[in-house]
Every structure is written in C-alpha cells, then in structure tokens.
Amino acid sequence: MPALPLDDAGPYVAGAYLVFLALILLYVAIMAAKLQRIERELVELSEIAERRRERAAADEAERQAVPR
C-alpha cells in the first residue's frame, strides 16, 4: 500500500512539479544573465583590441612617412 493514497497525493505531485519548474526557470534566468554579462565583456574587449590595432597601424604609417 502506498504511503499516501493516490487521490490525496495529487496536490503534492503538482506542487513538486511546480517547484521543479521554478528551479529550472531560475537556473535559465541565471544562465541568461551570465551570458549577457559575458557578451558585454566580449564586445568591450573587441573594441579595445580594434582601437589598439588602429593605433598600431597609425603609428606604423607615421614611422614609414618619416624619412630617415
């Protein structure tokens, strides 16, 4: 015999599924927030690298323009 009659267990099973669903949604929300933060940082690093590349190209062009 089950610990709880099946007709009485329904609300507990539904509650357990709701808690599980809430935990899954919380996990997905946390992962989405982390992904957005990483994406922002990646864009920032890409911009820094592009500025350095442009500065290096300008410095090289300036060096080549100056006669020796």
Protein backbone atom coordinates (compact mmCIF):
# COMPACT_ATOMS: atom_id res chain seq x y z
CA MET A 1 0.00 0.00 0.00
CA PRO A 2 1.40 3.47 -0.91
CA ALA A 3 2.41 5.86 1.89
CA LEU A 4 -0.33 8.24 0.75
CA PRO A 5 -3.48 7.24 -1.10
CA LEU A 6 -3.24 8.23 -4.77
CA ASP A 7 -6.27 10.53 -4.61
CA ASP A 8 -4.62 12.50 -1.78
CA ALA A 9 -1.18 12.61 -3.44
CA GLY A 10 -2.27 14.75 -6.43
CA PRO A 11 -1.67 18.17 -4.86
CA TYR A 12 1.76 17.08 -3.60
CA VAL A 13 2.78 15.81 -7.02
CA ALA A 14 1.57 19.04 -8.64
CA GLY A 15 3.46 21.05 -6.01
CA ALA A 16 6.63 19.08 -6.64
CA TYR A 17 6.37 19.72 -10.38
CA LEU A 18 5.81 23.44 -9.76
CA VAL A 19 8.88 23.63 -7.51
CA PHE A 20 10.93 21.78 -10.12
CA LEU A 21 9.70 24.11 -12.87
CA ALA A 22 10.51 27.16 -10.74
CA LEU A 23 14.04 25.87 -10.15
CA ILE A 24 14.55 25.24 -13.87
CA LEU A 25 13.31 28.76 -14.71
CA LEU A 26 15.60 30.25 -12.07
CA TYR A 27 18.57 28.34 -13.49
CA VAL A 28 17.79 29.51 -17.03
CA ALA A 29 17.45 33.13 -15.84
CA ILE A 30 20.80 32.99 -14.05
CA MET A 31 22.49 31.48 -17.12
CA ALA A 32 20.94 34.15 -19.38
CA ALA A 33 22.21 36.92 -17.09
CA LYS A 34 25.72 35.42 -17.12
CA LEU A 35 25.61 35.09 -20.90
CA GLN A 36 24.63 38.75 -21.29
CA ARG A 37 27.47 39.84 -19.00
CA ILE A 38 29.99 37.73 -20.92
CA GLU A 39 28.67 39.12 -24.20
CA ARG A 40 29.08 42.71 -22.96
CA GLU A 41 32.62 41.99 -21.82
CA LEU A 42 33.45 40.35 -25.14
CA VAL A 43 32.19 43.38 -27.08
CA GLU A 44 34.23 45.67 -24.82
CA LEU A 45 37.38 43.59 -25.32
CA SER A 46 36.79 43.54 -29.07
CA GLU A 47 36.52 47.35 -29.12
CA ILE A 48 39.73 47.68 -27.10
CA ALA A 49 41.55 45.33 -29.48
CA GLU A 50 40.25 47.26 -32.50
CA ARG A 51 41.43 50.59 -31.05
CA ARG A 52 44.87 49.11 -30.36
CA ARG A 53 45.03 47.73 -33.89
CA GLU A 54 44.10 51.12 -35.36
CA ARG A 55 46.64 52.90 -33.13
CA ALA A 56 49.37 50.43 -34.14
CA ALA A 57 48.52 50.89 -37.83
CA ALA A 58 48.61 54.68 -37.46
CA ASP A 59 51.96 54.50 -35.64
CA GLU A 60 53.38 52.27 -38.36
CA ALA A 61 52.14 54.60 -41.10
CA GLU A 62 53.69 57.55 -39.27
CA ARG A 63 57.01 55.73 -38.94
CA GLN A 64 57.04 54.91 -42.65
CA ALA A 65 56.15 58.52 -43.59
CA VAL A 66 59.10 59.98 -41.70
CA PRO A 67 62.21 59.95 -43.91
CA ARG A 68 65.39 58.57 -42.40
